[in-house]
PDB file of N, CA and C in Angstrom:
ATOM      1  N   MET A   1      36.184-219.206-137.123  1.00  0.00           N
ATOM      2  CA  MET A   1      35.069-219.471-138.399  1.00  0.00           C
ATOM      3  C   MET A   1      36.368-220.073-139.607  1.00  0.00           C
ATOM      4  N   THR A   2      35.761-220.984-140.293  1.00  0.00           N
ATOM      5  CA  THR A   2      36.286-220.997-141.492  1.00  0.00           C
ATOM      6  C   THR A   2      36.376-220.141-142.827  1.00  0.00           C
ATOM      7  N   ILE A   3      36.786-220.253-143.956  1.00  0.00           N
ATOM      8  CA  ILE A   3      37.032-219.805-145.128  1.00  0.00           C
ATOM      9  C   ILE A   3      35.517-219.670-145.642  1.00  0.00           C
ATOM     10  N   GLN A   4      35.131-221.221-145.574  1.00  0.00           N
ATOM     11  CA  GLN A   4      33.862-221.742-146.182  1.00  0.00           C
ATOM     12  C   GLN A   4      32.807-220.816-145.357  1.00  0.00           C
ATOM     13  N   ASN A   5      32.595-221.074-144.157  1.00  0.00           N
ATOM     14  CA  ASN A   5      31.919-220.602-143.216  1.00  0.00           C
ATOM     15  C   ASN A   5      31.069-218.665-143.619  1.00  0.00           C
ATOM     16  N   LYS A   6      32.535-218.303-144.145  1.00  0.00           N
ATOM     17  CA  LYS A   6      32.646-216.758-144.340  1.00  0.00           C
ATOM     18  C   LYS A   6      32.084-216.470-145.733  1.00  0.00           C
ATOM     19  N   ARG A   7      32.412-217.646-146.432  1.00  0.00           N
ATOM     20  CA  ARG A   7      31.711-217.689-147.875  1.00  0.00           C
ATOM     21  C   ARG A   7      30.611-217.629-147.872  1.00  0.00           C
ATOM     22  N   ILE A   8      30.357-218.346-147.211  1.00  0.00           N
ATOM     23  CA  ILE A   8      28.501-218.359-147.329  1.00  0.00           C
ATOM     24  C   ILE A   8      27.964-217.187-146.342  1.00  0.00           C
ATOM     25  N   ILE A   9      28.051-216.946-145.767  1.00  0.00           N
ATOM     26  CA  ILE A   9      27.572-215.782-144.807  1.00  0.00           C
ATOM     27  C   ILE A   9      27.798-214.809-145.741  1.00  0.00           C
ATOM     28  N   ALA A  10      28.839-214.402-146.676  1.00  0.00           N
ATOM     29  CA  ALA A  10      28.881-213.263-147.188  1.00  0.00           C
ATOM     30  C   ALA A  10      27.659-213.174-148.687  1.00  0.00           C
ATOM     31  N   SER A  11      27.724-214.727-149.133  1.00  0.00           N
ATOM     32  CA  SER A  11      26.813-215.053-150.421  1.00  0.00           C
ATOM     33  C   SER A  11      25.447-214.643-149.613  1.00  0.00           C
ATOM     34  N   ILE A  12      24.842-214.557-148.625  1.00  0.00           N
ATOM     35  CA  ILE A  12      23.827-214.420-148.264  1.00  0.00           C
ATOM     36  C   ILE A  12      23.438-212.860-148.437  1.00  0.00           C
ATOM     37  N   LEU A  13      24.458-212.821-147.499  1.00  0.00           N
ATOM     38  CA  LEU A  13      24.791-210.992-147.300  1.00  0.00           C
ATOM     39  C   LEU A  13      24.390-210.442-148.237  1.00  0.00           C
ATOM     40  N   PHE A  14      24.730-210.671-149.936  1.00  0.00           N
ATOM     41  CA  PHE A  14      24.773-210.215-151.273  1.00  0.00           C
ATOM     42  C   PHE A  14      23.319-210.153-151.442  1.00  0.00           C
ATOM     43  N   VAL A  15      22.741-211.512-151.643  1.00  0.00           N
ATOM     44  CA  VAL A  15      21.736-211.698-151.932  1.00  0.00           C
ATOM     45  C   VAL A  15      20.836-211.382-150.809  1.00  0.00           C
ATOM     46  N   LEU A  16      20.722-210.924-149.646  1.00  0.00           N
ATOM     47  CA  LEU A  16      19.874-209.970-149.523  1.00  0.00           C
ATOM     48  C   LEU A  16      19.473-208.376-149.935  1.00  0.00           C
ATOM     49  N   ILE A  17      21.350-208.245-150.001  1.00  0.00           N
ATOM     50  CA  ILE A  17      21.279-206.536-150.500  1.00  0.00           C
ATOM     51  C   ILE A  17      21.087-206.519-151.796  1.00  0.00           C
ATOM     52  N   SER A  18      20.936-207.509-152.167  1.00  0.00           N
ATOM     53  CA  SER A  18      20.531-206.966-153.727  1.00  0.00           C
ATOM     54  C   SER A  18      18.760-207.135-153.822  1.00  0.00           C
ATOM     55  N   PHE A  19      17.666-207.845-152.598  1.00  0.00           N
ATOM     56  CA  PHE A  19      16.690-207.683-152.743  1.00  0.00           C
ATOM     57  C   PHE A  19      16.006-206.621-152.069  1.00  0.00           C
ATOM     58  N   VAL A  20      17.161-205.704-151.458  1.00  0.00           N
ATOM     59  CA  VAL A  20      16.361-204.609-151.027  1.00  0.00           C
ATOM     60  C   VAL A  20      16.906-203.927-152.546  1.00  0.00           C
ATOM     61  N   CYS A  21      18.095-203.482-152.300  1.00  0.00           N
ATOM     62  CA  CYS A  21      18.035-202.975-153.960  1.00  0.00           C
ATOM     63  C   CYS A  21      16.770-202.968-155.113  1.00  0.00           C
ATOM     64  N   VAL A  22      16.778-203.812-155.395  1.00  0.00           N
ATOM     65  CA  VAL A  22      15.462-204.338-156.508  1.00  0.00           C
ATOM     66  C   VAL A  22      14.420-203.606-155.975  1.00  0.00           C
ATOM     67  N   SER A  23      13.905-204.115-154.405  1.00  0.00           N
ATOM     68  CA  SER A  23      12.335-204.008-154.091  1.00  0.00           C
ATOM     69  C   SER A  23      12.203-202.134-154.327  1.00  0.00           C
ATOM     70  N   GLN A  24      13.084-201.299-154.497  1.00  0.00           N
ATOM     71  CA  GLN A  24      13.051-200.187-154.742  1.00  0.00           C
ATOM     72  C   GLN A  24      12.354-199.659-155.882  1.00  0.00           C
ATOM     73  N   THR A  25      11.733-198.479-155.653  1.00  0.00           N
ATOM     74  CA  THR A  25      10.351-198.303-157.197  1.00  0.00           C
ATOM     75  C   THR A  25      11.152-197.242-157.502  1.00  0.00           C
ATOM     76  N   PRO A  26      11.602-196.899-158.846  1.00  0.00           N
ATOM     77  CA  PRO A  26      12.123-195.442-159.597  1.00  0.00           C
ATOM     78  C   PRO A  26      11.498-194.277-159.046  1.00  0.00           C
ATOM     79  N   GLY A  27      11.569-193.002-158.817  1.00  0.00           N
ATOM     80  CA  GLY A  27      11.250-192.055-158.301  1.00  0.00           C
ATOM     81  C   GLY A  27      10.532-191.861-157.616  1.00  0.00           C
ATOM     82  N   THR A  28      10.578-192.900-156.014  1.00  0.00           N
ATOM     83  CA  THR A  28       9.795-192.929-154.860  1.00  0.00           C
ATOM     84  C   THR A  28      10.664-191.694-154.438  1.00  0.00           C
ATOM     85  N   GLU A  29      12.080-191.815-154.424  1.00  0.00           N
ATOM     86  CA  GLU A  29      12.759-191.019-153.526  1.00  0.00           C
ATOM     87  C   GLU A  29      12.567-189.972-153.681  1.00  0.00           C
ATOM     88  N   LEU A  30      12.365-188.747-154.606  1.00  0.00           N
ATOM     89  CA  LEU A  30      12.493-187.783-154.634  1.00  0.00           C
ATOM     90  C   LEU A  30      10.812-187.068-154.413  1.00  0.00           C
ATOM     91  N   PRO A  31      10.833-186.361-153.737  1.00  0.00           N
ATOM     92  CA  PRO A  31      10.250-185.351-153.353  1.00  0.00           C
ATOM     93  C   PRO A  31       8.600-184.937-154.044  1.00  0.00           C
ATOM     94  N   PRO A  32       7.713-184.887-154.211  1.00  0.00           N
ATOM     95  CA  PRO A  32       6.851-184.247-154.931  1.00  0.00           C
ATOM     96  C   PRO A  32       6.663-182.860-155.689  1.00  0.00           C
ATOM     97  N   PRO A  33       6.717-182.595-156.465  1.00  0.00           N
ATOM     98  CA  PRO A  33       7.083-181.439-157.737  1.00  0.00           C
ATOM     99  C   PRO A  33       7.070-179.988-156.470  1.00  0.00           C
ATOM    100  N   GLY A  34       5.396-180.160-156.135  1.00  0.00           N
ATOM    101  CA  GLY A  34       4.749-178.919-154.951  1.00  0.00           C
ATOM    102  C   GLY A  34       5.616-178.975-153.731  1.00  0.00           C
ATOM    103  N   ALA A  35       6.511-179.776-153.068  1.00  0.00           N
ATOM    104  CA  ALA A  35       7.016-180.077-152.388  1.00  0.00           C
ATOM    105  C   ALA A  35       7.994-178.106-151.680  1.00  0.00           C
ATOM    106  N   PRO A  36       8.002-178.136-150.520  1.00  0.00           N
ATOM    107  CA  PRO A  36       8.877-176.807-150.087  1.00  0.00           C
ATOM    108  C   PRO A  36      10.252-177.162-150.487  1.00  0.00           C
ATOM    109  N   PRO A  37      10.583-176.325-150.436  1.00  0.00           N
ATOM    110  CA  PRO A  37      12.759-176.931-150.400  1.00  0.00           C
ATOM    111  C   PRO A  37      13.219-177.180-149.182  1.00  0.00           C
ATOM    112  N   ALA A  38      13.943-177.879-148.792  1.00  0.00           N
ATOM    113  CA  ALA A  38      14.305-178.165-147.520  1.00  0.00           C
ATOM    114  C   ALA A  38      15.446-177.297-147.242  1.00  0.00           C
ATOM    115  N   PRO A  39      15.149-176.753-145.881  1.00  0.00           N
ATOM    116  CA  PRO A  39      16.723-175.909-145.458  1.00  0.00           C
ATOM    117  C   PRO A  39      17.814-176.010-145.656  1.00  0.00           C
ATOM    118  N   PRO A  40      18.496-174.953-145.471  1.00  0.00           N
ATOM    119  CA  PRO A  40      19.466-175.119-146.060  1.00  0.00           C
ATOM    120  C   PRO A  40      20.594-175.586-144.727  1.00  0.00           C
ATOM    121  N   ILE A  41      21.605-176.669-144.768  1.00  0.00           N
ATOM    122  CA  ILE A  41      22.588-177.249-143.797  1.00  0.00           C
ATOM    123  C   ILE A  41      22.399-175.925-142.848  1.00  0.00           C
ATOM    124  N   GLY A  42      23.589-175.278-143.328  1.00  0.00           N
ATOM    125  CA  GLY A  42      24.726-174.280-143.131  1.00  0.00           C
ATOM    126  C   GLY A  42      23.988-172.885-141.742  1.00  0.00           C
ATOM    127  N   ASP A  43      22.506-173.347-142.368  1.00  0.00           N
ATOM    128  CA  ASP A  43      21.890-171.943-141.294  1.00  0.00           C
ATOM    129  C   ASP A  43      21.149-173.094-139.998  1.00  0.00           C
ATOM    130  N   ALA A  44      21.736-174.074-140.191  1.00  0.00           N
ATOM    131  CA  ALA A  44      21.571-174.798-138.023  1.00  0.00           C
ATOM    132  C   ALA A  44      21.625-174.089-136.917  1.00  0.00           C
ATOM    133  N   PRO A  45      20.978-173.594-135.897  1.00  0.00           N
ATOM    134  CA  PRO A  45      21.608-173.292-135.152  1.00  0.00           C
ATOM    135  C   PRO A  45      22.185-174.376-134.151  1.00  0.00           C
ATOM    136  N   ILE A  46      23.182-173.848-133.185  1.00  0.00           N
ATOM    137  CA  ILE A  46      23.292-174.502-131.963  1.00  0.00           C
ATOM    138  C   ILE A  46      22.746-174.782-130.713  1.00  0.00           C
ATOM    139  N   ASP A  47      22.452-175.906-130.473  1.00  0.00           N
ATOM    140  CA  ASP A  47      21.352-176.258-129.396  1.00  0.00           C
ATOM    141  C   ASP A  47      22.158-176.167-128.584  1.00  0.00           C
ATOM    142  N   GLY A  48      21.305-176.134-127.352  1.00  0.00           N
ATOM    143  CA  GLY A  48      22.159-175.953-125.745  1.00  0.00           C
ATOM    144  C   GLY A  48      22.800-176.953-125.501  1.00  0.00           C
ATOM    145  N   GLY A  49      22.533-178.381-126.281  1.00  0.00           N
ATOM    146  CA  GLY A  49      23.135-179.695-125.667  1.00  0.00           C
ATOM    147  C   GLY A  49      24.517-179.844-126.191  1.00  0.00           C
ATOM    148  N   VAL A  50      24.919-179.245-127.227  1.00  0.00           N
ATOM    149  CA  VAL A  50      26.321-178.745-127.563  1.00  0.00           C
ATOM    150  C   VAL A  50      26.854-178.239-126.526  1.00  0.00           C
ATOM    151  N   LEU A  51      26.570-177.078-125.859  1.00  0.00           N
ATOM    152  CA  LEU A  51      26.565-176.067-125.297  1.00  0.00           C
ATOM    153  C   LEU A  51      27.330-177.219-123.849  1.00  0.00           C
ATOM    154  N   VAL A  52      26.197-177.923-123.081  1.00  0.00           N
ATOM    155  CA  VAL A  52      26.347-178.475-122.514  1.00  0.00           C
ATOM    156  C   VAL A  52      27.079-179.460-122.114  1.00  0.00           C
ATOM    157  N   GLY A  53      27.570-180.273-123.203  1.00  0.00           N
ATOM    158  CA  GLY A  53      28.398-180.908-123.818  1.00  0.00           C
ATOM    159  C   GLY A  53      29.751-180.767-123.767  1.00  0.00           C
ATOM    160  N   ALA A  54      29.910-179.253-124.270  1.00  0.00           N
ATOM    161  CA  ALA A  54      31.038-178.649-124.348  1.00  0.00           C
ATOM    162  C   ALA A  54      31.900-178.313-122.916  1.00  0.00           C
ATOM    163  N   ALA A  55      30.962-178.085-122.284  1.00  0.00           N
ATOM    164  CA  ALA A  55      31.066-177.808-120.614  1.00  0.00           C
ATOM    165  C   ALA A  55      31.862-178.495-119.426  1.00  0.00           C
ATOM    166  N   PHE A  56      30.903-179.952-120.035  1.00  0.00           N
ATOM    167  CA  PHE A  56      30.738-181.251-119.555  1.00  0.00           C
ATOM    168  C   PHE A  56      32.330-181.708-119.696  1.00  0.00           C
ATOM    169  N   ALA A  57      32.635-181.342-120.841  1.00  0.00           N
ATOM    170  CA  ALA A  57      34.313-181.936-121.517  1.00  0.00           C
ATOM    171  C   ALA A  57      35.079-181.132-121.111  1.00  0.00           C
ATOM    172  N   LEU A  58      35.041-179.916-120.713  1.00  0.00           N
ATOM    173  CA  LEU A  58      36.246-179.071-119.899  1.00  0.00           C
ATOM    174  C   LEU A  58      36.227-179.100-118.815  1.00  0.00           C
ATOM    175  N   PHE A  59      34.887-179.320-117.841  1.00  0.00           N
ATOM    176  CA  PHE A  59      35.348-179.370-116.407  1.00  0.00           C
ATOM    177  C   PHE A  59      35.905-180.811-116.326  1.00  0.00           C
ATOM    178  N   TYR A  60      35.626-182.227-117.420  1.00  0.00           N
ATOM    179  CA  TYR A  60      35.765-183.007-117.246  1.00  0.00           C
ATOM    180  C   TYR A  60      37.314-183.229-117.325  1.00  0.00           C
ATOM    181  N   GLY A  61      38.153-182.972-118.328  1.00  0.00           N
ATOM    182  CA  GLY A  61      39.037-182.379-118.728  1.00  0.00           C
ATOM    183  C   GLY A  61      40.343-181.711-117.589  1.00  0.00           C
ATOM    184  N   VAL A  62      39.716-181.045-117.340  1.00  0.00           N
ATOM    185  CA  VAL A  62      40.800-179.728-115.844  1.00  0.00           C
ATOM    186  C   VAL A  62      40.343-180.734-114.945  1.00  0.00           C
ATOM    187  N   ARG A  63      39.417-181.228-114.467  1.00  0.00           N
ATOM    188  CA  ARG A  63      39.052-182.656-113.241  1.00  0.00           C
ATOM    189  C   ARG A  63      40.470-183.724-113.570  1.00  0.00           C
ATOM    190  N   LYS A  64      40.813-184.088-114.640  1.00  0.00           N
ATOM    191  CA  LYS A  64      41.465-184.951-115.028  1.00  0.00           C
ATOM    192  C   LYS A  64      42.923-184.592-114.632  1.00  0.00           C
ATOM    193  N   LEU A  65      43.193-183.323-115.501  1.00  0.00           N
ATOM    194  CA  LEU A  65      44.667-182.793-115.071  1.00  0.00           C
ATOM    195  C   LEU A  65      45.056-182.581-113.737  1.00  0.00           C
ATOM    196  N   LEU A  66      43.916-182.248-112.940  1.00  0.00           N
ATOM    197  CA  LEU A  66      43.894-181.862-111.667  1.00  0.00           C
ATOM    198  C   LEU A  66      44.593-182.988-110.755  1.00  0.00           C
ATOM    199  N   LEU A  67      43.218-184.036-111.136  1.00  0.00           N
ATOM    200  CA  LEU A  67      43.910-185.461-109.985  1.00  0.00           C
ATOM    201  C   LEU A  67      44.964-185.950-111.119  1.00  0.00           C
ATOM    202  N   GLN A  68      45.630-185.646-111.923  1.00  0.00           N
ATOM    203  CA  GLN A  68      46.823-186.576-112.762  1.00  0.00           C
ATOM    204  C   GLN A  68      48.132-185.672-111.562  1.00  0.00           C
ATOM    205  N   LYS A  69      47.909-184.623-111.679  1.00  0.00           N
ATOM    206  CA  LYS A  69      49.247-183.275-111.342  1.00  0.00           C
ATOM    207  C   LYS A  69      49.085-183.754-109.499  1.00  0.00           C
ATOM    208  N   ALA A  70      48.053-184.049-108.842  1.00  0.00           N
ATOM    209  CA  ALA A  70      47.969-184.367-107.785  1.00  0.00           C
ATOM    210  C   ALA A  70      48.681-186.103-107.343  1.00  0.00           C
ATOM    211  N   ASN A  71      48.383-186.936-108.278  1.00  0.00           N
ATOM    212  CA  ASN A  71      48.936-188.373-107.760  1.00  0.00           C
ATOM    213  C   ASN A  71      50.497-188.140-108.318  1.00  0.00           C
ATOM    214  N   ASN A  72      51.158-187.153-109.575  1.00  0.00           N
ATOM    215  CA  ASN A  72      52.270-187.150-109.458  1.00  0.00           C
ATOM    216  C   ASN A  72      53.396-186.719-108.525  1.00  0.00           C
ATOM    217  N   ASN A  73      52.353-185.505-107.329  1.00  0.00           N
ATOM    218  CA  ASN A  73      52.984-184.886-106.785  1.00  0.00           C
ATOM    219  C   ASN A  73      53.153-185.869-105.488  1.00  0.00           C
TER     220      ASN A  73
END
């Protein structure tokens, strides 16, 4: 890809991003005044999927170590 093509692509992306930024109206990002506050992030519970993933990672790691040890002998 030549430098000229890269400049054209970068210019097109810059224009498209500018349109997205201009199309946002101010004040719509904030919640309405009567909305309840968002829950604190630190109080999120650890879901069961995380525990299943950790168990799978432990199983996979032990399996890889045992296979590597068997191949070296």
